[in-house]
């Protein structure tokens, strides 16, 4: 059992492969940038080819950059540069864990785009997994200088049906909005368990994994009331899905109980992009622990990035 800053190694040893630990030390550099007037960590995968396509990839509400290794390392090995941030309030960043807002995370991603444009010269594609998917979409709506969007799950947080059915607050969600507005103003730093709002029991098919992430000191175990309010109050995208025109690839786990495929299919049908593709990952949970699903991810994303 690894503890403290080495806690991420538990996932690699237990599920994704111990070899990913060595590969991380060999290939990944941790850098810092200023975003929202504070430092955030970036995990940078630099192939040495500045002209290669760069993929910026955002984690979800439960994770942080290093937990995404089974997603990211295969793409680096395909020859792509990657920039993977620890979003504000997560991972190895300083400050109070869970202290963020939706708009702050969106700004984190936009600042990652600026960083990538300074460091690399190739095309830039942005993406995310879980909550990182809607966040990447929100950032893509505000940047003309990206060349595509790749999401592992893409639903609409401002979809009333989703908020009523898939959050733990369910029918009380919108009744709570006036209270959330008040507490987000006056009790900003008060924290609650994130999984009291969004269940982590369906994150993977492994109870051991789900329990492990609930104890992870770098993960999204807590959220401030300000952050919780922002998921409802700030998440409506700048550009409606039917007006979005960038190239898109969406992968959706078939057996996803955390963000069921119905909501991703709903968004995909609305997308106005002339070049869009939807791939359903058969039998996969929201965050799969089986390596076979990451091979499918690698093949699909590599094929997409080759066309950018």
C-alpha atoms as a PDB file:
ATOM      1  CA  UNK A   1       0.000   0.000   0.000  1.00  0.00           C
ATOM      2  CA  UNK A   2       1.483   3.306  -1.113  1.00  0.00           C
ATOM      3  CA  UNK A   3       0.667   6.407   0.928  1.00  0.00           C
ATOM      4  CA  UNK A   4       0.942  10.194   0.580  1.00  0.00           C
ATOM      5  CA  UNK A   5       2.358  11.520  -2.689  1.00  0.00           C
ATOM      6  CA  UNK A   6       2.987   7.962  -3.920  1.00  0.00           C
ATOM      7  CA  UNK A   7      -0.662   6.915  -3.510  1.00  0.00           C
ATOM      8  CA  UNK A   8      -1.223   6.921  -7.302  1.00  0.00           C
ATOM      9  CA  UNK A   9       1.032   3.872  -7.614  1.00  0.00           C
ATOM     10  CA  UNK A  10      -1.668   1.725  -5.957  1.00  0.00           C
ATOM     11  CA  UNK A  11      -3.808   1.955  -9.096  1.00  0.00           C
ATOM     12  CA  UNK A  12      -0.930   0.960 -11.367  1.00  0.00           C
ATOM     13  CA  UNK A  13       0.191  -2.006  -9.232  1.00  0.00           C
ATOM     14  CA  UNK A  14      -3.369  -3.206  -8.615  1.00  0.00           C
ATOM     15  CA  UNK A  15      -4.977  -2.669 -12.013  1.00  0.00           C
ATOM     16  CA  UNK A  16      -3.234  -0.865 -14.861  1.00  0.00           C
ATOM     17  CA  UNK A  17       0.262  -2.337 -14.783  1.00  0.00           C
ATOM     18  CA  UNK A  18       3.319  -1.623 -12.669  1.00  0.00           C
ATOM     19  CA  UNK A  19       5.253  -0.772 -15.831  1.00  0.00           C
ATOM     20  CA  UNK A  20       3.351   2.511 -16.078  1.00  0.00           C
ATOM     21  CA  UNK A  21       5.159   3.700 -12.956  1.00  0.00           C
ATOM     22  CA  UNK A  22       8.569   3.322 -14.618  1.00  0.00           C
ATOM     23  CA  UNK A  23       7.280   4.907 -17.810  1.00  0.00           C
ATOM     24  CA  UNK A  24       5.963   7.898 -15.866  1.00  0.00           C
ATOM     25  CA  UNK A  25       9.360   8.511 -14.254  1.00  0.00           C
ATOM     26  CA  UNK A  26      11.100   8.066 -17.591  1.00  0.00           C
ATOM     27  CA  UNK A  27       8.925  10.233 -19.818  1.00  0.00           C
ATOM     28  CA  UNK A  28       6.803  12.695 -17.827  1.00  0.00           C
ATOM     29  CA  UNK A  29       7.958  16.071 -16.534  1.00  0.00           C
ATOM     30  CA  UNK A  30       5.977  18.082 -13.994  1.00  0.00           C
ATOM     31  CA  UNK A  31       5.863  21.810 -14.692  1.00  0.00           C
ATOM     32  CA  UNK A  32       3.932  24.711 -13.227  1.00  0.00           C
ATOM     33  CA  UNK A  33       1.972  27.521 -14.851  1.00  0.00           C
ATOM     34  CA  UNK A  34       0.003  30.423 -13.453  1.00  0.00           C
ATOM     35  CA  UNK A  35      -3.754  30.046 -13.788  1.00  0.00           C
ATOM     36  CA  UNK A  36      -6.375  32.036 -11.887  1.00  0.00           C
ATOM     37  CA  UNK A  37      -3.526  33.814 -10.047  1.00  0.00           C
ATOM     38  CA  UNK A  38      -2.108  30.605  -8.600  1.00  0.00           C
ATOM     39  CA  UNK A  39       0.181  27.783  -9.692  1.00  0.00           C
ATOM     40  CA  UNK A  40      -1.180  24.568 -11.150  1.00  0.00           C
ATOM     41  CA  UNK A  41       0.824  21.465 -12.028  1.00  0.00           C
ATOM     42  CA  UNK A  42       1.064  20.194 -15.581  1.00  0.00           C
ATOM     43  CA  UNK A  43       2.250  16.698 -16.414  1.00  0.00           C
ATOM     44  CA  UNK A  44       3.996  17.120 -19.765  1.00  0.00           C
ATOM     45  CA  UNK A  45       4.733  14.275 -22.171  1.00  0.00           C
ATOM     46  CA  UNK A  46       7.248  15.687 -24.677  1.00  0.00           C
ATOM     47  CA  UNK A  47       8.155  13.448 -27.613  1.00  0.00           C
ATOM     48  CA  UNK A  48      10.914  15.815 -28.720  1.00  0.00           C
ATOM     49  CA  UNK A  49       8.968  16.525 -31.921  1.00  0.00           C
ATOM     50  CA  UNK A  50       7.554  20.031 -31.578  1.00  0.00           C
ATOM     51  CA  UNK A  51       5.542  19.599 -34.799  1.00  0.00           C
ATOM     52  CA  UNK A  52       3.638  16.578 -33.469  1.00  0.00           C
ATOM     53  CA  UNK A  53       0.006  17.060 -32.488  1.00  0.00           C
ATOM     54  CA  UNK A  54      -0.425  18.013 -28.826  1.00  0.00           C
ATOM     55  CA  UNK A  55      -3.297  16.554 -26.814  1.00  0.00           C
ATOM     56  CA  UNK A  56      -4.497  18.445 -23.728  1.00  0.00           C
ATOM     57  CA  UNK A  57      -6.455  16.075 -21.484  1.00  0.00           C
ATOM     58  CA  UNK A  58      -8.558  16.960 -18.424  1.00  0.00           C
ATOM     59  CA  UNK A  59      -9.363  14.656 -15.522  1.00  0.00           C
ATOM     60  CA  UNK A  60     -12.811  14.340 -13.972  1.00  0.00           C
ATOM     61  CA  UNK A  61     -14.336  15.134 -10.606  1.00  0.00           C
ATOM     62  CA  UNK A  62     -12.818  12.080  -8.887  1.00  0.00           C
ATOM     63  CA  UNK A  63      -9.317  11.948 -10.310  1.00  0.00           C
ATOM     64  CA  UNK A  64      -6.182  13.928 -11.140  1.00  0.00           C
ATOM     65  CA  UNK A  65      -3.559  13.914 -13.880  1.00  0.00           C
ATOM     66  CA  UNK A  66      -1.532  10.881 -12.815  1.00  0.00           C
ATOM     67  CA  UNK A  67      -4.537   8.578 -12.468  1.00  0.00           C
ATOM     68  CA  UNK A  68      -5.077   9.054 -16.223  1.00  0.00           C
ATOM     69  CA  UNK A  69      -1.871   7.192 -17.130  1.00  0.00           C
ATOM     70  CA  UNK A  70      -3.701   4.309 -18.872  1.00  0.00           C
ATOM     71  CA  UNK A  71      -5.322   6.932 -21.143  1.00  0.00           C
ATOM     72  CA  UNK A  72      -2.275   9.101 -21.725  1.00  0.00           C
ATOM     73  CA  UNK A  73       0.824   6.909 -21.954  1.00  0.00           C
ATOM     74  CA  UNK A  74      -0.464   4.888 -24.950  1.00  0.00           C
ATOM     75  CA  UNK A  75      -0.994   8.136 -26.903  1.00  0.00           C
ATOM     76  CA  UNK A  76       2.498   9.362 -26.041  1.00  0.00           C
ATOM     77  CA  UNK A  77       3.831   6.064 -27.358  1.00  0.00           C
ATOM     78  CA  UNK A  78       1.935   6.738 -30.602  1.00  0.00           C
ATOM     79  CA  UNK A  79       4.021   9.908 -31.020  1.00  0.00           C
ATOM     80  CA  UNK A  80       1.839  12.660 -29.558  1.00  0.00           C
ATOM     81  CA  UNK A  81       2.825  15.359 -27.083  1.00  0.00           C
ATOM     82  CA  UNK A  82       0.493  15.623 -24.111  1.00  0.00           C
ATOM     83  CA  UNK A  83      -0.283  18.272 -21.512  1.00  0.00           C
ATOM     84  CA  UNK A  84      -2.294  16.897 -18.585  1.00  0.00           C
ATOM     85  CA  UNK A  85      -3.130  19.351 -15.786  1.00  0.00           C
ATOM     86  CA  UNK A  86      -3.899  18.837 -12.159  1.00  0.00           C
ATOM     87  CA  UNK A  87      -6.927  21.096 -12.132  1.00  0.00           C
ATOM     88  CA  UNK A  88      -7.234  23.714  -9.405  1.00  0.00           C
ATOM     89  CA  UNK A  89      -8.031  22.069  -6.052  1.00  0.00           C
ATOM     90  CA  UNK A  90      -6.789  18.653  -7.197  1.00  0.00           C
ATOM     91  CA  UNK A  91      -3.704  16.487  -7.420  1.00  0.00           C
ATOM     92  CA  UNK A  92      -0.340  17.899  -6.376  1.00  0.00           C
ATOM     93  CA  UNK A  93      -1.376  21.541  -6.421  1.00  0.00           C
ATOM     94  CA  UNK A  94      -1.029  23.591  -3.259  1.00  0.00           C
ATOM     95  CA  UNK A  95      -4.082  24.893  -1.495  1.00  0.00           C
ATOM     96  CA  UNK A  96      -7.327  23.468  -0.173  1.00  0.00           C
ATOM     97  CA  UNK A  97      -8.408  20.250  -1.896  1.00  0.00           C
ATOM     98  CA  UNK A  98     -11.740  20.605  -3.663  1.00  0.00           C
ATOM     99  CA  UNK A  99     -11.546  24.405  -3.697  1.00  0.00           C
ATOM    100  CA  UNK A 100     -12.490  25.326  -7.269  1.00  0.00           C
ATOM    101  CA  UNK A 101     -15.264  26.586  -9.502  1.00  0.00           C
ATOM    102  CA  UNK A 102     -16.372  25.369 -12.919  1.00  0.00           C
ATOM    103  CA  UNK A 103     -15.140  28.599 -14.518  1.00  0.00           C
ATOM    104  CA  UNK A 104     -11.765  28.236 -12.773  1.00  0.00           C
ATOM    105  CA  UNK A 105     -11.291  24.772 -14.288  1.00  0.00           C
ATOM    106  CA  UNK A 106     -12.330  26.074 -17.682  1.00  0.00           C
ATOM    107  CA  UNK A 107      -9.662  28.764 -17.344  1.00  0.00           C
ATOM    108  CA  UNK A 108      -7.115  26.097 -16.345  1.00  0.00           C
ATOM    109  CA  UNK A 109      -7.719  24.391 -19.691  1.00  0.00           C
ATOM    110  CA  UNK A 110      -7.514  27.632 -21.659  1.00  0.00           C
ATOM    111  CA  UNK A 111      -4.185  28.404 -19.965  1.00  0.00           C
ATOM    112  CA  UNK A 112      -3.003  24.903 -20.903  1.00  0.00           C
ATOM    113  CA  UNK A 113      -3.750  25.753 -24.535  1.00  0.00           C
ATOM    114  CA  UNK A 114      -1.606  28.890 -24.229  1.00  0.00           C
ATOM    115  CA  UNK A 115       1.199  26.848 -22.668  1.00  0.00           C
ATOM    116  CA  UNK A 116       1.024  24.227 -25.425  1.00  0.00           C
ATOM    117  CA  UNK A 117       1.119  26.879 -28.157  1.00  0.00           C
ATOM    118  CA  UNK A 118       4.296  28.339 -26.687  1.00  0.00           C
ATOM    119  CA  UNK A 119       6.038  24.988 -26.210  1.00  0.00           C
ATOM    120  CA  UNK A 120       4.909  23.104 -29.334  1.00  0.00           C
ATOM    121  CA  UNK A 121       4.208  24.074 -32.955  1.00  0.00           C
ATOM    122  CA  UNK A 122       1.842  21.318 -34.132  1.00  0.00           C
ATOM    123  CA  UNK A 123      -1.929  21.028 -34.058  1.00  0.00           C
ATOM    124  CA  UNK A 124      -3.688  21.172 -30.684  1.00  0.00           C
ATOM    125  CA  UNK A 125      -6.571  18.934 -29.645  1.00  0.00           C
ATOM    126  CA  UNK A 126      -8.327  19.270 -26.295  1.00  0.00           C
ATOM    127  CA  UNK A 127     -10.229  16.591 -24.431  1.00  0.00           C
ATOM    128  CA  UNK A 128     -11.247  15.120 -21.129  1.00  0.00           C
ATOM    129  CA  UNK A 129     -12.588  12.096 -19.293  1.00  0.00           C
ATOM    130  CA  UNK A 130     -15.706  12.078 -17.135  1.00  0.00           C
ATOM    131  CA  UNK A 131     -16.350  15.679 -15.966  1.00  0.00           C
ATOM    132  CA  UNK A 132     -13.285  16.606 -18.004  1.00  0.00           C
ATOM    133  CA  UNK A 133     -15.374  15.960 -21.128  1.00  0.00           C
ATOM    134  CA  UNK A 134     -17.954  18.712 -20.539  1.00  0.00           C
ATOM    135  CA  UNK A 135     -15.154  20.986 -19.286  1.00  0.00           C
ATOM    136  CA  UNK A 136     -13.108  20.410 -22.436  1.00  0.00           C
ATOM    137  CA  UNK A 137     -16.193  21.181 -24.506  1.00  0.00           C
ATOM    138  CA  UNK A 138     -16.752  24.401 -22.543  1.00  0.00           C
ATOM    139  CA  UNK A 139     -13.127  25.469 -23.115  1.00  0.00           C
ATOM    140  CA  UNK A 140     -13.307  24.522 -26.810  1.00  0.00           C
ATOM    141  CA  UNK A 141     -16.330  26.797 -27.216  1.00  0.00           C
ATOM    142  CA  UNK A 142     -14.163  29.771 -26.273  1.00  0.00           C
ATOM    143  CA  UNK A 143     -11.050  29.001 -28.328  1.00  0.00           C
ATOM    144  CA  UNK A 144     -10.805  29.157 -32.105  1.00  0.00           C
ATOM    145  CA  UNK A 145      -7.157  28.058 -32.046  1.00  0.00           C
ATOM    146  CA  UNK A 146      -7.730  24.352 -31.388  1.00  0.00           C
ATOM    147  CA  UNK A 147      -8.117  21.654 -34.012  1.00  0.00           C
ATOM    148  CA  UNK A 148     -10.418  19.112 -32.405  1.00  0.00           C
ATOM    149  CA  UNK A 149     -12.171  17.741 -29.338  1.00  0.00           C
ATOM    150  CA  UNK A 150     -11.914  14.220 -27.873  1.00  0.00           C
ATOM    151  CA  UNK A 151     -14.107  13.205 -24.934  1.00  0.00           C
ATOM    152  CA  UNK A 152     -14.479  10.074 -22.866  1.00  0.00           C
ATOM    153  CA  UNK A 153     -18.108  10.886 -21.969  1.00  0.00           C
ATOM    154  CA  UNK A 154     -19.744  14.173 -22.949  1.00  0.00           C
ATOM    155  CA  UNK A 155     -22.964  15.156 -21.265  1.00  0.00           C
ATOM    156  CA  UNK A 156     -24.560  18.492 -20.443  1.00  0.00           C
ATOM    157  CA  UNK A 157     -24.409  19.589 -16.790  1.00  0.00           C
ATOM    158  CA  UNK A 158     -27.080  22.171 -17.560  1.00  0.00           C
ATOM    159  CA  UNK A 159     -29.446  19.408 -18.722  1.00  0.00           C
ATOM    160  CA  UNK A 160     -32.260  19.402 -16.188  1.00  0.00           C
ATOM    161  CA  UNK A 161     -32.972  15.719 -16.815  1.00  0.00           C
ATOM    162  CA  UNK A 162     -29.373  14.791 -15.955  1.00  0.00           C
ATOM    163  CA  UNK A 163     -29.297  16.861 -12.771  1.00  0.00           C
ATOM    164  CA  UNK A 164     -32.607  15.452 -11.555  1.00  0.00           C
ATOM    165  CA  UNK A 165     -31.806  11.807 -12.271  1.00  0.00           C
ATOM    166  CA  UNK A 166     -28.049  11.329 -11.873  1.00  0.00           C
ATOM    167  CA  UNK A 167     -27.063  13.378  -8.817  1.00  0.00           C
ATOM    168  CA  UNK A 168     -27.647  12.331  -5.229  1.00  0.00           C
ATOM    169  CA  UNK A 169     -29.733  15.469  -4.633  1.00  0.00           C
ATOM    170  CA  UNK A 170     -32.080  14.497  -7.518  1.00  0.00           C
ATOM    171  CA  UNK A 171     -35.421  16.374  -7.300  1.00  0.00           C
ATOM    172  CA  UNK A 172     -34.053  18.738  -4.653  1.00  0.00           C
ATOM    173  CA  UNK A 173     -31.276  20.004  -6.978  1.00  0.00           C
ATOM    174  CA  UNK A 174     -33.135  23.030  -8.290  1.00  0.00           C
ATOM    175  CA  UNK A 175     -34.886  23.698  -4.983  1.00  0.00           C
ATOM    176  CA  UNK A 176     -31.389  24.017  -3.521  1.00  0.00           C
ATOM    177  CA  UNK A 177     -30.165  26.590  -6.070  1.00  0.00           C
ATOM    178  CA  UNK A 178     -31.067  29.703  -3.977  1.00  0.00           C
ATOM    179  CA  UNK A 179     -29.350  28.082  -0.981  1.00  0.00           C
ATOM    180  CA  UNK A 180     -26.325  27.168  -3.110  1.00  0.00           C
ATOM    181  CA  UNK A 181     -26.060  30.756  -4.329  1.00  0.00           C
ATOM    182  CA  UNK A 182     -26.095  32.017  -0.766  1.00  0.00           C
ATOM    183  CA  UNK A 183     -23.613  29.523   0.641  1.00  0.00           C
ATOM    184  CA  UNK A 184     -21.293  29.925  -2.349  1.00  0.00           C
ATOM    185  CA  UNK A 185     -21.074  33.595  -1.453  1.00  0.00           C
ATOM    186  CA  UNK A 186     -20.780  33.424   2.334  1.00  0.00           C
ATOM    187  CA  UNK A 187     -19.471  29.915   3.086  1.00  0.00           C
ATOM    188  CA  UNK A 188     -17.144  29.485   0.136  1.00  0.00           C
ATOM    189  CA  UNK A 189     -14.486  27.354   1.818  1.00  0.00           C
ATOM    190  CA  UNK A 190     -16.783  24.960   3.669  1.00  0.00           C
ATOM    191  CA  UNK A 191     -16.260  21.473   2.242  1.00  0.00           C
ATOM    192  CA  UNK A 192     -18.389  18.358   1.962  1.00  0.00           C
ATOM    193  CA  UNK A 193     -17.635  14.856   0.685  1.00  0.00           C
ATOM    194  CA  UNK A 194     -17.893  14.971  -3.105  1.00  0.00           C
ATOM    195  CA  UNK A 195     -19.485  11.539  -3.218  1.00  0.00           C
ATOM    196  CA  UNK A 196     -22.328  12.804  -1.031  1.00  0.00           C
ATOM    197  CA  UNK A 197     -23.413  14.680  -4.181  1.00  0.00           C
ATOM    198  CA  UNK A 198     -22.176  12.309  -6.891  1.00  0.00           C
ATOM    199  CA  UNK A 199     -21.811   8.635  -6.022  1.00  0.00           C
ATOM    200  CA  UNK A 200     -18.363   7.099  -6.541  1.00  0.00           C
ATOM    201  CA  UNK A 201     -19.729   3.571  -6.086  1.00  0.00           C
ATOM    202  CA  UNK A 202     -20.278   3.304  -9.855  1.00  0.00           C
ATOM    203  CA  UNK A 203     -16.949   4.875 -10.856  1.00  0.00           C
ATOM    204  CA  UNK A 204     -15.541   1.430 -11.729  1.00  0.00           C
ATOM    205  CA  UNK A 205     -16.680  -2.187 -11.481  1.00  0.00           C
ATOM    206  CA  UNK A 206     -14.235  -2.692  -8.600  1.00  0.00           C
ATOM    207  CA  UNK A 207     -15.395  -1.844  -5.077  1.00  0.00           C
ATOM    208  CA  UNK A 208     -11.764  -2.013  -3.969  1.00  0.00           C
ATOM    209  CA  UNK A 209     -10.782   0.617  -6.544  1.00  0.00           C
ATOM    210  CA  UNK A 210     -13.742   2.859  -5.672  1.00  0.00           C
ATOM    211  CA  UNK A 211     -12.933   2.653  -1.969  1.00  0.00           C
ATOM    212  CA  UNK A 212      -9.272   3.354  -2.707  1.00  0.00           C
ATOM    213  CA  UNK A 213     -10.008   6.584  -4.548  1.00  0.00           C
ATOM    214  CA  UNK A 214     -12.240   7.744  -1.700  1.00  0.00           C
ATOM    215  CA  UNK A 215      -9.137   7.711   0.519  1.00  0.00           C
ATOM    216  CA  UNK A 216      -6.721   9.206  -2.032  1.00  0.00           C
ATOM    217  CA  UNK A 217      -5.174  12.444  -0.639  1.00  0.00           C
ATOM    218  CA  UNK A 218      -4.758  13.824  -4.170  1.00  0.00           C
ATOM    219  CA  UNK A 219      -8.217  12.873  -5.503  1.00  0.00           C
ATOM    220  CA  UNK A 220     -11.590  14.607  -5.521  1.00  0.00           C
ATOM    221  CA  UNK A 221     -12.713  13.394  -2.128  1.00  0.00           C
ATOM    222  CA  UNK A 222     -13.995  16.817  -1.034  1.00  0.00           C
ATOM    223  CA  UNK A 223     -15.614  19.796  -2.730  1.00  0.00           C
ATOM    224  CA  UNK A 224     -16.278  23.277  -1.389  1.00  0.00           C
ATOM    225  CA  UNK A 225     -19.847  24.531  -1.336  1.00  0.00           C
ATOM    226  CA  UNK A 226     -18.692  27.180  -3.819  1.00  0.00           C
ATOM    227  CA  UNK A 227     -17.491  24.437  -6.155  1.00  0.00           C
ATOM    228  CA  UNK A 228     -20.674  22.409  -5.799  1.00  0.00           C
ATOM    229  CA  UNK A 229     -22.803  25.453  -6.592  1.00  0.00           C
ATOM    230  CA  UNK A 230     -20.723  26.228  -9.675  1.00  0.00           C
ATOM    231  CA  UNK A 231     -21.539  22.857 -11.258  1.00  0.00           C
ATOM    232  CA  UNK A 232     -25.138  24.026 -11.518  1.00  0.00           C
ATOM    233  CA  UNK A 233     -24.690  27.781 -11.892  1.00  0.00           C
ATOM    234  CA  UNK A 234     -21.719  28.045 -14.281  1.00  0.00           C
ATOM    235  CA  UNK A 235     -21.762  24.940 -16.464  1.00  0.00           C
ATOM    236  CA  UNK A 236     -24.039  26.070 -19.299  1.00  0.00           C
ATOM    237  CA  UNK A 237     -21.712  26.155 -22.361  1.00  0.00           C
ATOM    238  CA  UNK A 238     -21.021  29.379 -24.227  1.00  0.00           C
ATOM    239  CA  UNK A 239     -21.928  27.777 -27.557  1.00  0.00           C
ATOM    240  CA  UNK A 240     -25.008  25.496 -27.782  1.00  0.00           C
ATOM    241  CA  UNK A 241     -24.178  22.004 -28.956  1.00  0.00           C
ATOM    242  CA  UNK A 242     -26.004  22.458 -32.262  1.00  0.00           C
ATOM    243  CA  UNK A 243     -23.787  25.460 -33.083  1.00  0.00           C
ATOM    244  CA  UNK A 244     -20.485  23.723 -32.327  1.00  0.00           C
ATOM    245  CA  UNK A 245     -18.439  23.232 -35.504  1.00  0.00           C
ATOM    246  CA  UNK A 246     -15.100  21.685 -34.530  1.00  0.00           C
ATOM    247  CA  UNK A 247     -14.069  18.121 -35.310  1.00  0.00           C
ATOM    248  CA  UNK A 248     -15.208  15.765 -32.526  1.00  0.00           C
ATOM    249  CA  UNK A 249     -14.576  12.222 -31.310  1.00  0.00           C
ATOM    250  CA  UNK A 250     -16.683  10.905 -28.431  1.00  0.00           C
ATOM    251  CA  UNK A 251     -16.098   7.593 -26.698  1.00  0.00           C
ATOM    252  CA  UNK A 252     -18.751   6.398 -24.281  1.00  0.00           C
ATOM    253  CA  UNK A 253     -18.629   3.339 -21.996  1.00  0.00           C
ATOM    254  CA  UNK A 254     -21.658   1.141 -22.666  1.00  0.00           C
ATOM    255  CA  UNK A 255     -22.143   0.045 -19.027  1.00  0.00           C
ATOM    256  CA  UNK A 256     -21.513   3.482 -17.537  1.00  0.00           C
ATOM    257  CA  UNK A 257     -23.718   3.900 -14.467  1.00  0.00           C
ATOM    258  CA  UNK A 258     -22.102   7.140 -13.297  1.00  0.00           C
ATOM    259  CA  UNK A 259     -22.916   9.106 -16.481  1.00  0.00           C
ATOM    260  CA  UNK A 260     -25.168   6.770 -18.477  1.00  0.00           C
ATOM    261  CA  UNK A 261     -24.746   6.645 -22.239  1.00  0.00           C
ATOM    262  CA  UNK A 262     -28.228   8.107 -22.786  1.00  0.00           C
ATOM    263  CA  UNK A 263     -26.928  11.577 -21.896  1.00  0.00           C
ATOM    264  CA  UNK A 264     -23.857  11.368 -24.125  1.00  0.00           C
ATOM    265  CA  UNK A 265     -25.983  10.114 -27.026  1.00  0.00           C
ATOM    266  CA  UNK A 266     -28.326  13.029 -26.407  1.00  0.00           C
ATOM    267  CA  UNK A 267     -25.470  15.548 -26.710  1.00  0.00           C
ATOM    268  CA  UNK A 268     -23.889  13.783 -29.690  1.00  0.00           C
ATOM    269  CA  UNK A 269     -27.124  13.960 -31.693  1.00  0.00           C
ATOM    270  CA  UNK A 270     -27.267  17.710 -31.069  1.00  0.00           C
ATOM    271  CA  UNK A 271     -23.670  18.454 -32.073  1.00  0.00           C
ATOM    272  CA  UNK A 272     -23.507  20.640 -35.169  1.00  0.00           C
ATOM    273  CA  UNK A 273     -20.036  19.436 -36.169  1.00  0.00           C
ATOM    274  CA  UNK A 274     -19.819  18.217 -39.755  1.00  0.00           C
ATOM    275  CA  UNK A 275     -17.025  15.845 -38.746  1.00  0.00           C
ATOM    276  CA  UNK A 276     -18.047  13.927 -35.665  1.00  0.00           C
ATOM    277  CA  UNK A 277     -17.782  10.317 -34.551  1.00  0.00           C
ATOM    278  CA  UNK A 278     -19.311   8.368 -31.679  1.00  0.00           C
ATOM    279  CA  UNK A 279     -17.818   5.092 -30.426  1.00  0.00           C
ATOM    280  CA  UNK A 280     -19.482   2.986 -27.761  1.00  0.00           C
ATOM    281  CA  UNK A 281     -17.049   0.948 -25.674  1.00  0.00           C
ATOM    282  CA  UNK A 282     -18.899  -2.325 -25.161  1.00  0.00           C
ATOM    283  CA  UNK A 283     -19.230  -3.640 -21.592  1.00  0.00           C
ATOM    284  CA  UNK A 284     -17.039  -0.867 -20.147  1.00  0.00           C
ATOM    285  CA  UNK A 285     -17.735   0.892 -16.854  1.00  0.00           C
ATOM    286  CA  UNK A 286     -17.334   4.657 -16.445  1.00  0.00           C
ATOM    287  CA  UNK A 287     -13.634   4.344 -15.576  1.00  0.00           C
ATOM    288  CA  UNK A 288     -12.627   0.888 -16.764  1.00  0.00           C
ATOM    289  CA  UNK A 289     -10.014  -1.088 -14.856  1.00  0.00           C
ATOM    290  CA  UNK A 290      -9.440  -3.610 -17.679  1.00  0.00           C
ATOM    291  CA  UNK A 291      -6.553  -2.950 -20.080  1.00  0.00           C
ATOM    292  CA  UNK A 292      -8.530  -4.062 -23.165  1.00  0.00           C
ATOM    293  CA  UNK A 293     -10.612  -0.894 -23.079  1.00  0.00           C
ATOM    294  CA  UNK A 294      -7.538   1.308 -23.162  1.00  0.00           C
ATOM    295  CA  UNK A 295      -6.363  -0.481 -26.304  1.00  0.00           C
ATOM    296  CA  UNK A 296      -9.677   0.495 -27.916  1.00  0.00           C
ATOM    297  CA  UNK A 297      -9.183   4.052 -26.676  1.00  0.00           C
ATOM    298  CA  UNK A 298      -5.665   4.211 -28.123  1.00  0.00           C
ATOM    299  CA  UNK A 299      -6.725   2.886 -31.529  1.00  0.00           C
ATOM    300  CA  UNK A 300      -9.711   5.227 -31.808  1.00  0.00           C
ATOM    301  CA  UNK A 301      -7.943   8.379 -30.618  1.00  0.00           C
ATOM    302  CA  UNK A 302      -4.818   7.681 -32.659  1.00  0.00           C
ATOM    303  CA  UNK A 303      -6.950   7.270 -35.796  1.00  0.00           C
ATOM    304  CA  UNK A 304      -8.722  10.547 -35.016  1.00  0.00           C
ATOM    305  CA  UNK A 305      -5.543  12.501 -34.284  1.00  0.00           C
ATOM    306  CA  UNK A 306      -3.962  11.272 -37.523  1.00  0.00           C
ATOM    307  CA  UNK A 307      -6.743  13.030 -39.436  1.00  0.00           C
ATOM    308  CA  UNK A 308      -6.423  16.353 -37.608  1.00  0.00           C
END
